[in-house]
Amino acid sequence: MSARIARDKIQTAWVERTGQIKWRPGVGFPDGALPLCCGTAAAIRSALKARAWNGKCYAVPGMTDRMSDQQAYERVERLRVNLVGLSNDLVSYFSGMNRRDV
């Protein structure tokens, strides 16, 4: 994980089953959601603005709550791969967990 992201600045973005993307401070995500990435709020917002803004909210491109779980998961993974590495302030969720105090 990038040493540039201070522990008090790290946030986690996650995807709800509807495809909507949300984030909050810290490393963790709600039950029933999938982790997307970790980083600073500015890095998350910037990366998602270009790839996942649908005009109303941040959402996984092409994902709906009517598609199969496997199809939805594949859409989330495609977005995750495209996001991670765009910025030194944006990393995978699992890298973010490695810096967490346990």
Protein backbone atom coordinates (compact mmCIF):
# COMPACT_ATOMS: atom_id res chain seq x y z
CA MET A 1 0.00 0.00 0.00
CA SER A 2 1.11 3.51 -0.61
CA ALA A 3 2.78 5.00 2.42
CA ARG A 4 1.37 8.36 1.31
CA ILE A 5 -2.13 7.58 2.61
CA ALA A 6 -2.29 8.53 6.27
CA ARG A 7 -4.24 6.13 8.46
CA ASP A 8 -6.63 8.88 9.49
CA LYS A 9 -7.31 9.76 5.81
CA ILE A 10 -8.01 6.29 4.39
CA GLN A 11 -11.54 5.52 3.24
CA THR A 12 -13.21 2.42 1.84
CA ALA A 13 -15.47 2.37 -1.22
CA TRP A 14 -17.95 -0.48 -1.57
CA VAL A 15 -20.66 -1.63 -3.95
CA GLU A 16 -24.23 -2.40 -2.93
CA ARG A 17 -26.18 -5.12 -4.76
CA THR A 18 -28.00 -2.44 -6.75
CA GLY A 19 -24.64 -1.35 -8.19
CA GLN A 20 -24.50 1.91 -6.26
CA ILE A 21 -21.05 2.84 -4.92
CA LYS A 22 -20.58 4.51 -1.54
CA TRP A 23 -17.61 5.17 0.72
CA ARG A 24 -16.80 6.16 4.28
CA PRO A 25 -13.75 6.75 6.49
CA GLY A 26 -11.77 3.77 7.70
CA VAL A 27 -11.23 0.26 6.39
CA GLY A 28 -14.45 -1.72 6.29
CA PHE A 29 -17.75 -2.04 4.51
CA PRO A 30 -21.33 -3.02 5.41
CA ASP A 31 -22.73 -6.55 5.31
CA GLY A 32 -24.20 -7.45 1.95
CA ALA A 33 -21.77 -5.23 0.03
CA LEU A 34 -18.52 -5.88 -1.83
CA PRO A 35 -15.33 -3.88 -1.24
CA LEU A 36 -14.17 -1.86 -4.23
CA CYS A 37 -11.04 0.02 -3.15
CA CYS A 38 -9.42 2.12 -0.45
CA GLY A 39 -7.84 5.55 -0.66
CA THR A 40 -8.36 9.18 0.12
CA ALA A 41 -11.79 10.65 -0.51
CA ALA A 42 -10.37 12.87 -3.26
CA ALA A 43 -8.71 9.94 -5.05
CA ILE A 44 -11.85 7.79 -4.84
CA ARG A 45 -14.08 10.60 -6.07
CA SER A 46 -11.73 11.50 -8.93
CA ALA A 47 -11.36 7.90 -10.17
CA LEU A 48 -15.07 7.17 -9.91
CA LYS A 49 -16.10 10.45 -11.54
CA ALA A 50 -14.48 9.37 -14.80
CA ARG A 51 -15.62 5.74 -14.71
CA ALA A 52 -18.73 5.34 -12.59
CA TRP A 53 -20.75 8.57 -12.46
CA ASN A 54 -24.16 8.03 -14.08
CA GLY A 55 -25.45 11.58 -13.68
CA LYS A 56 -27.25 10.90 -10.40
CA CYS A 57 -24.90 8.77 -8.31
CA TYR A 58 -21.76 6.65 -8.46
CA ALA A 59 -22.62 3.18 -9.77
CA VAL A 60 -20.87 0.21 -11.36
CA PRO A 61 -21.23 0.59 -15.14
CA GLY A 62 -23.72 -1.88 -16.57
CA MET A 63 -24.66 -3.45 -13.23
CA THR A 64 -28.32 -3.83 -12.25
CA ASP A 65 -30.06 -5.55 -9.36
CA ARG A 66 -31.82 -7.81 -11.90
CA MET A 67 -28.70 -9.53 -13.26
CA SER A 68 -27.28 -12.71 -11.76
CA ASP A 69 -24.87 -12.46 -8.84
CA GLN A 70 -22.06 -13.82 -11.04
CA GLN A 71 -22.63 -11.18 -13.72
CA ALA A 72 -22.80 -8.43 -11.10
CA TYR A 73 -19.60 -9.66 -9.45
CA GLU A 74 -17.81 -9.65 -12.82
CA ARG A 75 -18.84 -6.02 -13.38
CA VAL A 76 -17.53 -5.05 -9.93
CA GLU A 77 -14.24 -6.86 -10.58
CA ARG A 78 -13.81 -5.17 -13.95
CA LEU A 79 -14.24 -1.76 -12.31
CA ARG A 80 -11.91 -2.67 -9.42
CA VAL A 81 -9.13 -3.68 -11.81
CA ASN A 82 -9.54 -0.43 -13.75
CA LEU A 83 -9.45 1.73 -10.61
CA VAL A 84 -6.55 0.32 -8.62
CA GLY A 85 -3.27 1.86 -9.67
CA LEU A 86 -4.74 5.05 -11.13
CA SER A 87 -3.29 7.05 -8.25
CA ASN A 88 -0.81 6.58 -5.41
CA ASP A 89 -3.74 7.46 -3.15
CA LEU A 90 -5.95 4.61 -4.43
CA VAL A 91 -5.30 0.95 -3.55
CA SER A 92 -7.12 -2.36 -3.33
CA TYR A 93 -9.25 -3.03 -0.26
CA PHE A 94 -6.93 -5.86 0.76
CA SER A 95 -3.90 -3.56 0.70
CA GLY A 96 -5.86 -1.13 2.83
CA MET A 97 -6.54 -3.87 5.38
CA ASN A 98 -2.82 -4.56 5.72
CA ARG A 99 -2.28 -1.08 7.19
CA ARG A 100 -5.17 -1.40 9.63
CA ASP A 101 -4.44 -1.73 13.31
CA VAL A 102 -5.77 -5.09 14.45
